[in-house]
N, C-alpha and C. Protein backbone atom coordinates (compact mmCIF):
# COMPACT_ATOMS: atom_id res chain seq x y z
N MET A 1 156.03 27.40 120.35
CA MET A 1 155.40 27.92 121.54
C MET A 1 155.61 29.43 121.67
N ARG A 2 156.85 29.86 121.43
CA ARG A 2 157.15 31.29 121.51
C ARG A 2 156.37 32.06 120.45
N LEU A 3 156.21 31.48 119.28
CA LEU A 3 155.48 32.14 118.21
C LEU A 3 154.03 32.35 118.59
N SER A 4 153.40 31.36 119.22
CA SER A 4 152.00 31.50 119.61
C SER A 4 151.85 32.56 120.72
N LYS A 5 152.81 32.65 121.64
CA LYS A 5 152.78 33.69 122.67
C LYS A 5 152.94 35.07 122.03
N PHE A 6 153.85 35.15 121.06
CA PHE A 6 154.06 36.42 120.38
C PHE A 6 152.80 36.85 119.64
N ILE A 7 152.16 35.91 118.96
CA ILE A 7 150.93 36.20 118.21
C ILE A 7 149.82 36.61 119.18
N SER A 8 149.72 35.90 120.30
CA SER A 8 148.70 36.25 121.30
C SER A 8 148.94 37.64 121.87
N LEU A 9 150.21 37.96 122.17
CA LEU A 9 150.54 39.27 122.70
C LEU A 9 150.24 40.36 121.67
N ALA A 10 150.61 40.12 120.42
CA ALA A 10 150.35 41.09 119.36
C ALA A 10 148.85 41.30 119.18
N ALA A 11 148.07 40.23 119.22
CA ALA A 11 146.62 40.34 119.07
C ALA A 11 146.03 41.13 120.23
N PHE A 12 146.53 40.89 121.45
CA PHE A 12 146.03 41.62 122.62
C PHE A 12 146.33 43.11 122.48
N ILE A 13 147.55 43.44 122.05
CA ILE A 13 147.93 44.85 121.89
C ILE A 13 147.06 45.51 120.83
N MET A 14 146.79 44.81 119.73
CA MET A 14 145.95 45.38 118.68
C MET A 14 144.52 45.59 119.17
N LEU A 15 143.98 44.63 119.93
CA LEU A 15 142.63 44.79 120.47
C LEU A 15 142.56 45.95 121.46
N PHE A 16 143.59 46.06 122.29
CA PHE A 16 143.63 47.15 123.25
C PHE A 16 143.69 48.50 122.53
N ALA A 17 144.56 48.61 121.54
CA ALA A 17 144.68 49.85 120.78
C ALA A 17 143.37 50.18 120.07
N ALA A 18 142.71 49.18 119.52
CA ALA A 18 141.44 49.40 118.83
C ALA A 18 140.38 49.90 119.81
N SER A 19 140.38 49.36 121.04
CA SER A 19 139.37 49.80 122.01
C SER A 19 139.64 51.23 122.45
N VAL A 20 140.90 51.63 122.58
CA VAL A 20 141.25 53.00 122.94
C VAL A 20 140.81 53.96 121.84
N VAL A 21 141.08 53.60 120.60
CA VAL A 21 140.67 54.44 119.47
C VAL A 21 139.16 54.55 119.42
N ALA A 22 138.45 53.44 119.66
CA ALA A 22 136.98 53.46 119.63
C ALA A 22 136.43 54.34 120.74
N GLN A 23 137.04 54.30 121.92
CA GLN A 23 136.57 55.15 123.02
C GLN A 23 136.77 56.62 122.69
N ASN A 24 137.90 56.96 122.13
CA ASN A 24 138.16 58.35 121.76
C ASN A 24 137.23 58.80 120.65
N ALA A 25 136.91 57.91 119.74
CA ALA A 25 136.03 58.27 118.63
C ALA A 25 134.61 58.50 119.11
N SER A 26 134.20 57.83 120.20
CA SER A 26 132.83 57.97 120.68
C SER A 26 132.70 58.97 121.83
N ALA A 27 133.77 59.71 122.13
CA ALA A 27 133.70 60.71 123.18
C ALA A 27 132.68 61.77 122.79
N PRO A 28 131.84 62.18 123.73
CA PRO A 28 130.82 63.18 123.41
C PRO A 28 131.46 64.49 122.96
N GLU A 29 130.77 65.16 122.08
CA GLU A 29 131.26 66.41 121.54
C GLU A 29 130.10 67.41 121.49
N VAL A 30 130.38 68.64 121.85
CA VAL A 30 129.36 69.69 121.80
C VAL A 30 129.31 70.23 120.38
N ARG A 31 128.14 70.16 119.79
CA ARG A 31 127.95 70.74 118.46
C ARG A 31 127.28 72.09 118.63
N HIS A 32 127.85 73.09 118.03
CA HIS A 32 127.28 74.44 118.11
C HIS A 32 126.36 74.62 116.91
N VAL A 33 125.12 74.95 117.20
CA VAL A 33 124.12 75.14 116.15
C VAL A 33 123.53 76.54 116.29
N PRO A 34 123.01 77.10 115.21
CA PRO A 34 122.42 78.44 115.31
C PRO A 34 121.21 78.45 116.24
N ILE A 35 121.02 79.56 116.92
CA ILE A 35 119.88 79.72 117.82
C ILE A 35 118.60 79.82 116.98
N VAL A 36 117.57 79.17 117.45
CA VAL A 36 116.28 79.24 116.76
C VAL A 36 115.36 80.19 117.52
N ASN A 37 114.48 80.82 116.79
CA ASN A 37 113.56 81.78 117.39
C ASN A 37 112.37 81.01 117.97
N THR A 38 112.20 81.09 119.28
CA THR A 38 111.04 80.50 119.94
C THR A 38 110.17 81.64 120.45
N PRO A 39 108.89 81.37 120.71
CA PRO A 39 108.01 82.45 121.18
C PRO A 39 108.53 83.09 122.47
N SER A 40 108.54 84.39 122.50
CA SER A 40 109.06 85.12 123.66
C SER A 40 108.15 85.02 124.86
N ASN A 41 106.90 84.59 124.65
CA ASN A 41 105.96 84.52 125.77
C ASN A 41 105.93 83.15 126.45
N SER A 42 106.78 82.23 126.02
CA SER A 42 106.79 80.90 126.62
C SER A 42 108.15 80.58 127.23
N GLY A 43 108.26 80.79 128.53
CA GLY A 43 109.49 80.45 129.23
C GLY A 43 109.80 78.98 129.13
N GLN A 44 108.78 78.14 129.18
CA GLN A 44 108.98 76.70 129.10
C GLN A 44 109.56 76.30 127.74
N GLN A 45 109.02 76.86 126.68
CA GLN A 45 109.50 76.52 125.35
C GLN A 45 110.92 77.04 125.13
N MET A 46 111.22 78.24 125.62
CA MET A 46 112.58 78.76 125.51
C MET A 46 113.54 77.88 126.30
N TYR A 47 113.13 77.47 127.51
CA TYR A 47 113.99 76.61 128.32
C TYR A 47 114.30 75.31 127.57
N LYS A 48 113.26 74.69 127.02
CA LYS A 48 113.47 73.43 126.29
C LYS A 48 114.37 73.63 125.08
N SER A 49 114.26 74.77 124.40
CA SER A 49 115.06 75.02 123.21
C SER A 49 116.49 75.44 123.53
N TYR A 50 116.67 76.24 124.58
CA TYR A 50 117.97 76.84 124.84
C TYR A 50 118.74 76.21 126.01
N CYS A 51 118.05 75.73 127.01
CA CYS A 51 118.71 75.34 128.26
C CYS A 51 118.77 73.83 128.51
N ALA A 52 117.72 73.14 128.09
CA ALA A 52 117.58 71.72 128.44
C ALA A 52 118.68 70.84 127.87
N VAL A 53 119.28 71.23 126.77
CA VAL A 53 120.33 70.40 126.19
C VAL A 53 121.50 70.24 127.17
N CYS A 54 121.76 71.22 127.99
CA CYS A 54 122.82 71.12 128.99
C CYS A 54 122.27 70.86 130.39
N HIS A 55 121.26 71.65 130.80
CA HIS A 55 120.74 71.56 132.16
C HIS A 55 119.72 70.43 132.34
N GLY A 56 119.26 69.84 131.25
CA GLY A 56 118.27 68.76 131.34
C GLY A 56 116.86 69.31 131.39
N VAL A 57 115.92 68.52 130.91
CA VAL A 57 114.52 68.93 130.92
C VAL A 57 114.06 69.20 132.35
N ASP A 58 114.58 68.43 133.30
CA ASP A 58 114.19 68.59 134.70
C ASP A 58 115.01 69.66 135.42
N GLY A 59 116.05 70.22 134.76
CA GLY A 59 116.85 71.28 135.35
C GLY A 59 117.96 70.82 136.27
N LYS A 60 118.20 69.53 136.36
CA LYS A 60 119.17 69.01 137.32
C LYS A 60 120.60 68.96 136.79
N GLY A 61 120.83 69.48 135.58
CA GLY A 61 122.18 69.51 135.03
C GLY A 61 122.56 68.25 134.28
N ASN A 62 121.56 67.48 133.88
CA ASN A 62 121.81 66.17 133.27
C ASN A 62 121.36 66.11 131.81
N GLY A 63 121.49 67.20 131.10
CA GLY A 63 121.08 67.22 129.69
C GLY A 63 121.99 66.36 128.83
N PRO A 64 121.56 66.07 127.62
CA PRO A 64 122.35 65.19 126.76
C PRO A 64 123.74 65.73 126.41
N ALA A 65 123.94 67.03 126.45
CA ALA A 65 125.25 67.60 126.15
C ALA A 65 126.14 67.70 127.39
N ALA A 66 125.59 67.50 128.57
CA ALA A 66 126.34 67.68 129.82
C ALA A 66 127.64 66.88 129.88
N PRO A 67 127.66 65.60 129.47
CA PRO A 67 128.93 64.85 129.57
C PRO A 67 130.06 65.42 128.71
N ALA A 68 129.74 66.18 127.69
CA ALA A 68 130.76 66.72 126.80
C ALA A 68 131.33 68.05 127.29
N LEU A 69 130.75 68.62 128.33
CA LEU A 69 131.19 69.94 128.79
C LEU A 69 132.35 69.83 129.77
N LYS A 70 133.20 70.83 129.77
CA LYS A 70 134.33 70.87 130.70
C LYS A 70 133.86 71.14 132.11
N THR A 71 132.83 71.98 132.25
CA THR A 71 132.24 72.32 133.54
C THR A 71 130.83 71.78 133.57
N SER A 72 130.49 71.02 134.59
CA SER A 72 129.15 70.45 134.69
C SER A 72 128.11 71.57 134.80
N PRO A 73 126.99 71.42 134.09
CA PRO A 73 125.92 72.42 134.20
C PRO A 73 125.35 72.46 135.61
N SER A 74 124.94 73.63 136.02
CA SER A 74 124.35 73.80 137.36
C SER A 74 123.04 73.05 137.48
N ASP A 75 122.76 72.61 138.69
CA ASP A 75 121.46 72.05 139.02
C ASP A 75 120.54 73.24 139.28
N LEU A 76 119.72 73.56 138.31
CA LEU A 76 118.86 74.74 138.42
C LEU A 76 117.72 74.53 139.41
N THR A 77 117.47 73.31 139.83
CA THR A 77 116.39 73.04 140.78
C THR A 77 116.80 73.42 142.21
N ALA A 78 118.08 73.66 142.43
CA ALA A 78 118.58 73.94 143.78
C ALA A 78 118.94 75.40 144.00
N LEU A 79 118.57 76.28 143.07
CA LEU A 79 118.95 77.68 143.20
C LEU A 79 118.36 78.33 144.45
N ALA A 80 117.08 78.10 144.70
CA ALA A 80 116.44 78.67 145.90
C ALA A 80 117.04 78.06 147.16
N GLN A 81 117.23 76.77 147.14
CA GLN A 81 117.79 76.07 148.30
C GLN A 81 119.17 76.63 148.65
N LYS A 82 119.98 76.92 147.66
CA LYS A 82 121.32 77.46 147.89
C LYS A 82 121.30 78.93 148.27
N ASN A 83 120.13 79.55 148.18
CA ASN A 83 119.99 80.98 148.48
C ASN A 83 119.04 81.19 149.67
N GLY A 84 119.15 80.33 150.66
CA GLY A 84 118.36 80.48 151.87
C GLY A 84 116.87 80.28 151.67
N GLY A 85 116.47 79.52 150.65
CA GLY A 85 115.06 79.24 150.40
C GLY A 85 114.37 80.25 149.51
N LYS A 86 115.08 81.29 149.07
CA LYS A 86 114.49 82.31 148.21
C LYS A 86 115.08 82.20 146.81
N TYR A 87 114.21 82.09 145.82
CA TYR A 87 114.66 82.00 144.43
C TYR A 87 115.31 83.32 144.03
N PRO A 88 116.57 83.29 143.58
CA PRO A 88 117.30 84.53 143.25
C PRO A 88 117.00 85.00 141.82
N SER A 89 115.79 85.47 141.59
CA SER A 89 115.36 85.81 140.23
C SER A 89 116.24 86.89 139.59
N ALA A 90 116.64 87.89 140.33
CA ALA A 90 117.48 88.95 139.75
C ALA A 90 118.83 88.39 139.32
N HIS A 91 119.39 87.50 140.13
CA HIS A 91 120.67 86.89 139.79
C HIS A 91 120.54 85.99 138.56
N VAL A 92 119.47 85.21 138.50
CA VAL A 92 119.24 84.34 137.35
C VAL A 92 119.11 85.18 136.08
N ALA A 93 118.38 86.27 136.17
CA ALA A 93 118.23 87.16 135.01
C ALA A 93 119.58 87.73 134.59
N SER A 94 120.41 88.11 135.55
CA SER A 94 121.71 88.67 135.19
C SER A 94 122.63 87.62 134.58
N VAL A 95 122.50 86.38 135.00
CA VAL A 95 123.28 85.30 134.40
C VAL A 95 122.83 85.09 132.95
N ILE A 96 121.53 85.04 132.74
CA ILE A 96 121.00 84.84 131.40
C ILE A 96 121.45 85.98 130.49
N ARG A 97 121.39 87.19 130.98
CA ARG A 97 121.76 88.36 130.16
C ARG A 97 123.28 88.51 130.01
N GLY A 98 124.05 87.73 130.77
CA GLY A 98 125.50 87.82 130.67
C GLY A 98 126.09 88.91 131.53
N GLN A 99 125.35 89.36 132.54
CA GLN A 99 125.81 90.45 133.39
C GLN A 99 126.42 89.95 134.69
N ALA A 100 126.29 88.65 134.98
CA ALA A 100 126.88 88.07 136.19
C ALA A 100 128.09 87.26 135.78
N ALA A 101 129.11 87.31 136.59
CA ALA A 101 130.33 86.58 136.28
C ALA A 101 130.23 85.14 136.78
N LEU A 102 130.09 84.23 135.85
CA LEU A 102 130.13 82.81 136.16
C LEU A 102 131.17 82.18 135.25
N PRO A 103 132.01 81.30 135.78
CA PRO A 103 133.09 80.76 134.97
C PRO A 103 132.60 80.00 133.73
N SER A 104 131.47 79.34 133.80
CA SER A 104 131.03 78.55 132.66
C SER A 104 130.26 79.38 131.64
N HIS A 105 129.65 80.46 132.05
CA HIS A 105 128.88 81.28 131.12
C HIS A 105 129.81 82.16 130.29
N GLY A 106 129.55 82.16 129.02
CA GLY A 106 130.37 82.95 128.13
C GLY A 106 131.55 82.18 127.57
N SER A 107 131.72 80.94 128.04
CA SER A 107 132.79 80.12 127.48
C SER A 107 132.31 79.52 126.17
N GLN A 108 133.19 78.76 125.56
CA GLN A 108 132.81 78.11 124.32
C GLN A 108 131.66 77.12 124.57
N ASP A 109 131.63 76.52 125.76
CA ASP A 109 130.57 75.56 126.08
C ASP A 109 129.26 76.24 126.45
N MET A 110 129.34 77.31 127.25
CA MET A 110 128.12 77.95 127.74
C MET A 110 128.03 79.36 127.19
N PRO A 111 127.11 79.59 126.30
CA PRO A 111 127.01 80.94 125.72
C PRO A 111 126.39 81.94 126.69
N ILE A 112 126.69 83.19 126.45
CA ILE A 112 125.99 84.28 127.14
C ILE A 112 124.73 84.50 126.34
N TRP A 113 123.59 84.33 126.97
CA TRP A 113 122.33 84.37 126.22
C TRP A 113 121.85 85.75 125.87
N GLY A 114 122.29 86.78 126.59
CA GLY A 114 121.83 88.14 126.31
C GLY A 114 121.98 88.53 124.84
N PRO A 115 123.20 88.46 124.29
CA PRO A 115 123.36 88.83 122.88
C PRO A 115 122.58 87.90 121.93
N LEU A 116 122.46 86.64 122.29
CA LEU A 116 121.72 85.71 121.44
C LEU A 116 120.23 86.03 121.46
N LEU A 117 119.70 86.31 122.65
CA LEU A 117 118.29 86.69 122.73
C LEU A 117 118.04 88.01 122.02
N SER A 118 119.00 88.90 122.09
CA SER A 118 118.88 90.17 121.38
C SER A 118 118.88 89.96 119.87
N SER A 119 119.70 89.03 119.41
CA SER A 119 119.76 88.80 117.97
C SER A 119 118.46 88.21 117.43
N ILE A 120 117.84 87.29 118.16
CA ILE A 120 116.58 86.74 117.66
C ILE A 120 115.41 87.68 117.90
N SER A 121 115.61 88.67 118.79
CA SER A 121 114.58 89.69 119.02
C SER A 121 114.84 90.90 118.14
N GLN A 122 115.80 90.78 117.26
CA GLN A 122 116.18 91.84 116.32
C GLN A 122 116.47 93.16 117.04
N GLY A 123 117.11 93.03 118.21
CA GLY A 123 117.54 94.20 118.95
C GLY A 123 116.47 94.91 119.74
N HIS A 124 115.24 94.41 119.76
CA HIS A 124 114.16 95.05 120.53
C HIS A 124 114.34 94.72 122.01
N GLU A 125 114.79 95.70 122.76
CA GLU A 125 115.11 95.49 124.17
C GLU A 125 113.90 95.01 124.98
N GLY A 126 112.72 95.51 124.67
CA GLY A 126 111.52 95.07 125.38
C GLY A 126 111.27 93.58 125.21
N GLN A 127 111.51 93.07 124.02
CA GLN A 127 111.32 91.64 123.78
C GLN A 127 112.40 90.82 124.48
N VAL A 128 113.62 91.33 124.53
CA VAL A 128 114.70 90.65 125.25
C VAL A 128 114.33 90.57 126.74
N GLN A 129 113.81 91.67 127.29
CA GLN A 129 113.40 91.68 128.70
C GLN A 129 112.25 90.70 128.93
N GLN A 130 111.30 90.64 127.98
CA GLN A 130 110.20 89.70 128.11
C GLN A 130 110.71 88.26 128.06
N ARG A 131 111.61 87.97 127.14
CA ARG A 131 112.18 86.63 127.04
C ARG A 131 112.89 86.25 128.34
N THR A 132 113.70 87.18 128.83
CA THR A 132 114.45 86.92 130.06
C THR A 132 113.51 86.70 131.23
N ALA A 133 112.51 87.56 131.39
CA ALA A 133 111.56 87.43 132.50
C ALA A 133 110.79 86.11 132.43
N ASN A 134 110.37 85.72 131.25
CA ASN A 134 109.62 84.47 131.12
C ASN A 134 110.51 83.26 131.37
N LEU A 135 111.75 83.32 130.96
CA LEU A 135 112.68 82.23 131.21
C LEU A 135 113.00 82.13 132.70
N VAL A 136 113.21 83.27 133.34
CA VAL A 136 113.47 83.31 134.79
C VAL A 136 112.26 82.74 135.54
N ALA A 137 111.06 83.12 135.14
CA ALA A 137 109.84 82.62 135.79
C ALA A 137 109.71 81.10 135.62
N TYR A 138 110.06 80.60 134.44
CA TYR A 138 109.94 79.15 134.23
C TYR A 138 110.97 78.41 135.10
N ILE A 139 112.19 78.90 135.17
CA ILE A 139 113.22 78.25 136.01
C ILE A 139 112.77 78.25 137.46
N ASP A 140 112.02 79.26 137.88
CA ASP A 140 111.46 79.30 139.23
C ASP A 140 110.55 78.10 139.47
N THR A 141 109.81 77.68 138.45
CA THR A 141 108.91 76.53 138.62
C THR A 141 109.67 75.22 138.79
N LEU A 142 110.94 75.19 138.44
CA LEU A 142 111.74 73.97 138.56
C LEU A 142 112.33 73.79 139.96
N GLN A 143 112.18 74.79 140.82
CA GLN A 143 112.82 74.74 142.14
C GLN A 143 112.28 73.58 142.97
N ALA A 144 113.22 72.90 143.64
CA ALA A 144 112.86 71.79 144.53
C ALA A 144 112.02 72.34 145.67
N LYS A 145 111.00 71.61 146.02
CA LYS A 145 110.11 72.05 147.11
C LYS A 145 110.54 71.45 148.42
C-alpha cells in the first residue's frame, strides 16, 4: 500500500514538474527582426508593418507580441480621448521620432522609430518626415469616435 502511494506521489510530482517546464517553454518571446522598407506614402502599410505587432491591427494594444512585453502597449485608439478630445499629433510624432520620453519607447521591447525610419530612408530627412507624418495621420484614423 505504501509503495503504491509513493508511486502515485512520484508520478504526480513528475507530471507537475513537466507541466511547469512546458509552460515556461511556451512563454511568449519577442523576436527582433530587421526593419523592412515599406512605402513612405502609406501610413496604413507602415502601421501594419511596424506597429501592429504590438499595438494590434485595431490599435488597442492587443497585437500578437503584446503578451511577451514587460510593458503593455498603449491603446492608440484612446489618444484623443485622453487628451480632451483632441488628437495629439505633435506628441505622437515626437514619440515616433524618439523625442518624447516614454518608459516603453527605446527599451529592448519598444524601439525608437526615428533612427529606424532614418535608416530605411537612407538618412533623407524629408522622407523621414513624410513617413512620420503619414504614420501620425493613420493613427489619427484609429481614434475612437
